[in-house]
Amino acid sequence: MSLLAEGITGSLGAVGYGLAAIGPGIGVGVVFAAYIQATARQPESAKNTRTYLFLGFALSEALALLGFVVPFIFK
């Protein structure tokens, strides 16, 4: 084992969650950007597209929660 690896302590689950949170973070940004763009183009459709906003947000956040739970399961 190298000297560098011997000095590393802590939980790899935290590193895994940090990496797993990148995708859903980008996904939430894309969902909200698409909603803002759609609302700016057609303000009268804001009520109809708001449902898709919350659905996309919930699915993206579900991935983040899975990324948070999985390291604890395989610990």
C-alpha atoms as a PDB file:
ATOM      1  CA  MET A   1       0.000   0.000   0.000  1.00  0.00           C
ATOM      2  CA  SER A   2       1.368   3.390  -0.889  1.00  0.00           C
ATOM      3  CA  LEU A   3       2.055   6.101   1.648  1.00  0.00           C
ATOM      4  CA  LEU A   4      -0.630   8.322   0.151  1.00  0.00           C
ATOM      5  CA  ALA A   5      -3.361   5.708   0.600  1.00  0.00           C
ATOM      6  CA  GLU A   6      -2.397   5.076   4.229  1.00  0.00           C
ATOM      7  CA  GLY A   7      -3.178   8.677   5.213  1.00  0.00           C
ATOM      8  CA  ILE A   8      -6.713   8.629   3.812  1.00  0.00           C
ATOM      9  CA  THR A   9      -9.372   8.160   6.470  1.00  0.00           C
ATOM     10  CA  GLY A  10     -13.114   8.617   6.481  1.00  0.00           C
ATOM     11  CA  SER A  11     -16.108   7.148   4.805  1.00  0.00           C
ATOM     12  CA  LEU A  12     -16.120   6.369   1.122  1.00  0.00           C
ATOM     13  CA  GLY A  13     -19.907   6.613   1.328  1.00  0.00           C
ATOM     14  CA  ALA A  14     -19.578  10.380   1.656  1.00  0.00           C
ATOM     15  CA  VAL A  15     -17.455  10.504  -1.477  1.00  0.00           C
ATOM     16  CA  GLY A  16     -19.955   8.273  -3.266  1.00  0.00           C
ATOM     17  CA  TYR A  17     -22.848  10.481  -2.297  1.00  0.00           C
ATOM     18  CA  GLY A  18     -20.966  13.560  -3.421  1.00  0.00           C
ATOM     19  CA  LEU A  19     -20.445  11.996  -6.819  1.00  0.00           C
ATOM     20  CA  ALA A  20     -24.027  10.713  -6.941  1.00  0.00           C
ATOM     21  CA  ALA A  21     -25.412  14.200  -6.227  1.00  0.00           C
ATOM     22  CA  ILE A  22     -23.811  15.723  -9.321  1.00  0.00           C
ATOM     23  CA  GLY A  23     -26.251  14.133 -11.777  1.00  0.00           C
ATOM     24  CA  PRO A  24     -29.480  15.034  -9.980  1.00  0.00           C
ATOM     25  CA  GLY A  25     -28.130  18.536  -9.328  1.00  0.00           C
ATOM     26  CA  ILE A  26     -27.649  19.064 -13.033  1.00  0.00           C
ATOM     27  CA  GLY A  27     -31.024  17.442 -13.721  1.00  0.00           C
ATOM     28  CA  VAL A  28     -32.868  19.801 -11.378  1.00  0.00           C
ATOM     29  CA  GLY A  29     -31.165  22.757 -13.050  1.00  0.00           C
ATOM     30  CA  VAL A  30     -32.225  21.553 -16.489  1.00  0.00           C
ATOM     31  CA  VAL A  31     -35.820  20.974 -15.356  1.00  0.00           C
ATOM     32  CA  PHE A  32     -36.171  24.459 -13.882  1.00  0.00           C
ATOM     33  CA  ALA A  33     -34.431  26.064 -16.865  1.00  0.00           C
ATOM     34  CA  ALA A  34     -36.852  24.361 -19.247  1.00  0.00           C
ATOM     35  CA  TYR A  35     -39.839  25.503 -17.179  1.00  0.00           C
ATOM     36  CA  ILE A  36     -38.623  29.097 -17.074  1.00  0.00           C
ATOM     37  CA  GLN A  37     -37.969  29.080 -20.802  1.00  0.00           C
ATOM     38  CA  ALA A  38     -41.395  27.584 -21.574  1.00  0.00           C
ATOM     39  CA  THR A  39     -43.115  30.102 -19.307  1.00  0.00           C
ATOM     40  CA  ALA A  40     -41.206  32.992 -20.857  1.00  0.00           C
ATOM     41  CA  ARG A  41     -42.244  31.917 -24.358  1.00  0.00           C
ATOM     42  CA  GLN A  42     -45.896  31.259 -23.524  1.00  0.00           C
ATOM     43  CA  PRO A  43     -46.944  32.715 -20.161  1.00  0.00           C
ATOM     44  CA  GLU A  44     -50.462  31.353 -20.492  1.00  0.00           C
ATOM     45  CA  SER A  45     -49.104  27.774 -20.414  1.00  0.00           C
ATOM     46  CA  ALA A  46     -47.441  28.198 -17.002  1.00  0.00           C
ATOM     47  CA  LYS A  47     -50.293  26.449 -15.198  1.00  0.00           C
ATOM     48  CA  ASN A  48     -50.098  23.415 -17.503  1.00  0.00           C
ATOM     49  CA  THR A  49     -46.319  23.052 -17.446  1.00  0.00           C
ATOM     50  CA  ARG A  50     -46.032  23.479 -13.667  1.00  0.00           C
ATOM     51  CA  THR A  51     -47.182  19.861 -13.244  1.00  0.00           C
ATOM     52  CA  TYR A  52     -44.281  18.667 -15.383  1.00  0.00           C
ATOM     53  CA  LEU A  53     -41.933  20.898 -13.402  1.00  0.00           C
ATOM     54  CA  PHE A  54     -42.820  19.220 -10.109  1.00  0.00           C
ATOM     55  CA  LEU A  55     -42.783  15.753 -11.673  1.00  0.00           C
ATOM     56  CA  GLY A  56     -39.310  16.265 -13.146  1.00  0.00           C
ATOM     57  CA  PHE A  57     -38.052  17.799  -9.914  1.00  0.00           C
ATOM     58  CA  ALA A  58     -39.373  14.887  -7.837  1.00  0.00           C
ATOM     59  CA  LEU A  59     -37.837  12.264 -10.113  1.00  0.00           C
ATOM     60  CA  SER A  60     -34.468  14.021 -10.096  1.00  0.00           C
ATOM     61  CA  GLU A  61     -34.497  14.322  -6.322  1.00  0.00           C
ATOM     62  CA  ALA A  62     -35.447  10.655  -6.001  1.00  0.00           C
ATOM     63  CA  LEU A  63     -32.166   9.809  -7.723  1.00  0.00           C
ATOM     64  CA  ALA A  64     -30.305  11.967  -5.228  1.00  0.00           C
ATOM     65  CA  LEU A  65     -32.000  10.199  -2.326  1.00  0.00           C
ATOM     66  CA  LEU A  66     -31.114   6.817  -3.794  1.00  0.00           C
ATOM     67  CA  GLY A  67     -27.519   7.951  -4.072  1.00  0.00           C
ATOM     68  CA  PHE A  68     -27.650   8.928  -0.408  1.00  0.00           C
ATOM     69  CA  VAL A  69     -29.155   5.650   0.825  1.00  0.00           C
ATOM     70  CA  VAL A  70     -27.212   3.104  -1.225  1.00  0.00           C
ATOM     71  CA  PRO A  71     -23.810   3.672   0.452  1.00  0.00           C
ATOM     72  CA  PHE A  72     -25.429   2.983   3.824  1.00  0.00           C
ATOM     73  CA  ILE A  73     -26.993  -0.247   2.569  1.00  0.00           C
ATOM     74  CA  PHE A  74     -23.707  -1.638   1.253  1.00  0.00           C
ATOM     75  CA  LYS A  75     -21.646  -0.533   4.246  1.00  0.00           C
END
